[in-house]
Amino acid sequence: MAGQGTPATALLTRRKIPHRTHPYDVSPDAPNYGALVAEALGVPPERVFKSLVTEVDGGLAVAVVPVTGELDLKALAAAVGGKRATMADRAVAERATGYVRGGISPLGQRKRLPTVLDSSALAHDTVYVSAGRRGLQVELAPADLVALTDATTAHVAAP
């Protein structure tokens, strides 16, 4: 794992959370990026989750949803007790998390943001999320992801 350390993987290691890292090679500008990542990893796309930084009523929040769908902004707002959600500006998201687009992890962020994990994750033994840099995913149990991010689980993915 030399050269693959990120704040996300350091957190997992420090907390002794079982996990596996999976490198892949997909251009972050490729259309249908998430599906291509799942294909490169050889796993069903419903097990690969993307981390989206949003703004809910003026504050930032993270939605973790399967790459097979989109984020339901109304459902996210409701899940965090807000009224209106929008996607956060890319620069704001990068500054708040300490990660770059295509590598934003729900784990080990610079500033801990309220996090909502789509409840579909709970149907899997393990899920894949960004490990904190482009080209690297981390596989872990959804319960560990919830515990480490203090996430709420809710149905926030739109088909």
Protein backbone atom coordinates (compact mmCIF):
# COMPACT_ATOMS: atom_id res chain seq x y z
CA MET A 1 0.00 0.00 0.00
CA ALA A 2 3.03 2.28 -0.18
CA GLY A 3 2.27 5.58 -1.86
CA GLN A 4 -1.48 5.05 -1.49
CA GLY A 5 -1.95 6.66 1.92
CA THR A 6 -4.67 9.28 2.19
CA PRO A 7 -6.48 10.81 5.18
CA ALA A 8 -9.26 8.27 4.52
CA THR A 9 -6.99 5.22 4.57
CA ALA A 10 -5.05 6.62 7.53
CA LEU A 11 -8.32 6.94 9.48
CA LEU A 12 -9.28 3.34 8.67
CA THR A 13 -5.85 2.06 9.68
CA ARG A 14 -5.74 4.14 12.87
CA ARG A 15 -9.20 2.88 13.93
CA LYS A 16 -8.30 -0.71 12.93
CA ILE A 17 -11.30 -0.95 10.59
CA PRO A 18 -11.17 -3.91 8.18
CA HIS A 19 -10.85 -2.55 4.64
CA ARG A 20 -9.22 -3.17 1.29
CA THR A 21 -7.97 -0.62 -1.19
CA HIS A 22 -8.56 -1.08 -4.91
CA PRO A 23 -6.65 0.97 -7.49
CA TYR A 24 -8.23 1.57 -10.89
CA ASP A 25 -7.52 3.56 -14.04
CA VAL A 26 -10.47 5.64 -15.30
CA SER A 27 -10.30 9.25 -16.48
CA PRO A 28 -12.20 11.48 -14.03
CA ASP A 29 -13.62 13.34 -17.04
CA ALA A 30 -15.06 10.19 -18.64
CA PRO A 31 -18.83 10.18 -19.09
CA ASN A 32 -20.55 7.69 -16.78
CA TYR A 33 -17.46 7.69 -14.55
CA GLY A 34 -19.01 5.67 -11.71
CA ALA A 35 -20.12 2.82 -13.97
CA LEU A 36 -16.64 2.72 -15.51
CA VAL A 37 -15.06 2.54 -12.04
CA ALA A 38 -17.34 -0.39 -11.12
CA GLU A 39 -16.43 -2.11 -14.38
CA ALA A 40 -12.70 -1.54 -13.78
CA LEU A 41 -13.05 -3.03 -10.29
CA GLY A 42 -15.15 -5.94 -11.55
CA VAL A 43 -17.98 -5.30 -9.07
CA PRO A 44 -21.69 -4.58 -9.53
CA PRO A 45 -22.20 -0.79 -9.86
CA GLU A 46 -24.80 -0.76 -7.07
CA ARG A 47 -21.94 -1.50 -4.62
CA VAL A 48 -19.90 1.53 -5.73
CA PHE A 49 -20.88 4.80 -4.07
CA LYS A 50 -20.04 8.40 -4.93
CA SER A 51 -19.62 11.18 -2.39
CA LEU A 52 -21.40 14.40 -3.33
CA VAL A 53 -20.90 17.61 -1.39
CA THR A 54 -24.08 19.63 -1.16
CA GLU A 55 -25.33 22.80 0.41
CA VAL A 56 -28.42 22.44 2.58
CA ASP A 57 -29.95 25.68 3.87
CA GLY A 58 -26.54 27.40 3.74
CA GLY A 59 -24.51 24.60 5.36
CA LEU A 60 -22.51 21.83 3.73
CA ALA A 61 -23.45 18.15 3.84
CA VAL A 62 -22.24 14.99 2.11
CA ALA A 63 -24.51 12.55 0.32
CA VAL A 64 -23.13 9.08 -0.40
CA VAL A 65 -25.18 7.47 -3.16
CA PRO A 66 -24.74 4.56 -5.58
CA VAL A 67 -23.13 5.43 -8.90
CA THR A 68 -26.14 3.79 -10.57
CA GLY A 69 -28.41 6.73 -9.71
CA GLU A 70 -28.60 10.42 -9.02
CA LEU A 71 -29.05 12.30 -5.77
CA ASP A 72 -32.59 13.26 -4.77
CA LEU A 73 -31.93 16.75 -3.38
CA LYS A 74 -35.34 17.03 -1.70
CA ALA A 75 -34.85 13.71 0.10
CA LEU A 76 -31.36 14.80 1.19
CA ALA A 77 -32.66 18.09 2.57
CA ALA A 78 -35.31 16.22 4.54
CA ALA A 79 -32.75 13.69 5.83
CA VAL A 80 -30.62 16.45 7.37
CA GLY A 81 -33.59 18.44 8.65
CA GLY A 82 -33.38 21.16 6.01
CA LYS A 83 -35.68 22.62 3.41
CA ARG A 84 -33.55 23.11 0.29
CA ALA A 85 -30.46 21.37 -1.04
CA THR A 86 -28.24 22.17 -4.00
CA MET A 87 -24.93 20.82 -5.22
CA ALA A 88 -22.01 22.70 -3.62
CA ASP A 89 -19.60 24.64 -5.77
CA ARG A 90 -16.62 22.47 -6.74
CA ALA A 91 -14.05 24.79 -5.13
CA VAL A 92 -16.08 24.96 -1.90
CA ALA A 93 -16.38 21.15 -1.83
CA GLU A 94 -12.64 20.69 -2.39
CA ARG A 95 -11.72 23.28 0.24
CA ALA A 96 -14.07 21.81 2.88
CA THR A 97 -13.08 18.17 2.34
CA GLY A 98 -9.40 18.52 1.47
CA TYR A 99 -9.95 16.27 -1.55
CA VAL A 100 -10.23 16.96 -5.29
CA ARG A 101 -13.25 16.20 -7.49
CA GLY A 102 -13.19 12.57 -8.50
CA GLY A 103 -11.42 11.71 -5.25
CA ILE A 104 -13.71 13.10 -2.54
CA SER A 105 -14.06 10.50 0.17
CA PRO A 106 -16.69 10.52 2.91
CA LEU A 107 -13.84 9.50 5.25
CA GLY A 108 -11.04 11.64 6.66
CA GLN A 109 -12.35 14.96 5.44
CA ARG A 110 -10.65 18.17 6.52
CA LYS A 111 -13.89 19.40 8.10
CA ARG A 112 -16.35 16.79 9.34
CA LEU A 113 -19.59 17.40 7.47
CA PRO A 114 -23.04 15.96 8.15
CA THR A 115 -23.24 12.79 6.04
CA VAL A 116 -26.17 10.84 4.66
CA LEU A 117 -25.57 7.35 3.28
CA ASP A 118 -28.20 6.00 0.92
CA SER A 119 -29.95 3.16 2.72
CA SER A 120 -29.34 0.82 -0.24
CA ALA A 121 -25.78 0.42 1.06
CA LEU A 122 -27.08 -1.61 3.99
CA ALA A 123 -28.09 -4.43 1.62
CA HIS A 124 -24.42 -5.22 0.90
CA ASP A 125 -21.73 -6.88 3.02
CA THR A 126 -19.22 -4.33 1.72
CA VAL A 127 -19.39 -1.18 -0.37
CA TYR A 128 -16.81 0.84 -2.29
CA VAL A 129 -16.19 4.56 -1.78
CA SER A 130 -13.39 6.86 -2.81
CA ALA A 131 -10.27 6.32 -0.73
CA GLY A 132 -9.41 10.00 -1.02
CA ARG A 133 -7.70 10.27 -4.36
CA ARG A 134 -8.54 9.66 -7.97
CA GLY A 135 -7.86 6.10 -9.00
CA LEU A 136 -8.29 4.51 -5.57
CA GLN A 137 -11.40 3.04 -3.94
CA VAL A 138 -11.72 1.55 -0.48
CA GLU A 139 -13.97 -1.40 0.30
CA LEU A 140 -15.50 -1.58 3.76
CA ALA A 141 -18.63 -2.66 5.60
CA PRO A 142 -21.49 -0.14 5.40
CA ALA A 143 -21.85 -0.24 9.20
CA ASP A 144 -18.22 0.88 9.55
CA LEU A 145 -18.80 3.70 7.06
CA VAL A 146 -21.82 4.85 9.08
CA ALA A 147 -19.89 4.68 12.35
CA LEU A 148 -16.81 6.53 11.06
CA THR A 149 -18.78 9.36 9.44
CA ASP A 150 -21.59 9.48 12.02
CA ALA A 151 -23.87 9.17 9.01
CA THR A 152 -27.61 9.10 8.85
CA THR A 153 -29.03 6.46 6.50
CA ALA A 154 -31.96 7.41 4.31
CA HIS A 155 -33.27 6.79 0.81
CA VAL A 156 -31.62 9.74 -0.97
CA ALA A 157 -30.81 8.19 -4.34
CA ALA A 158 -33.09 8.82 -7.29
CA PRO A 159 -33.10 6.12 -9.99
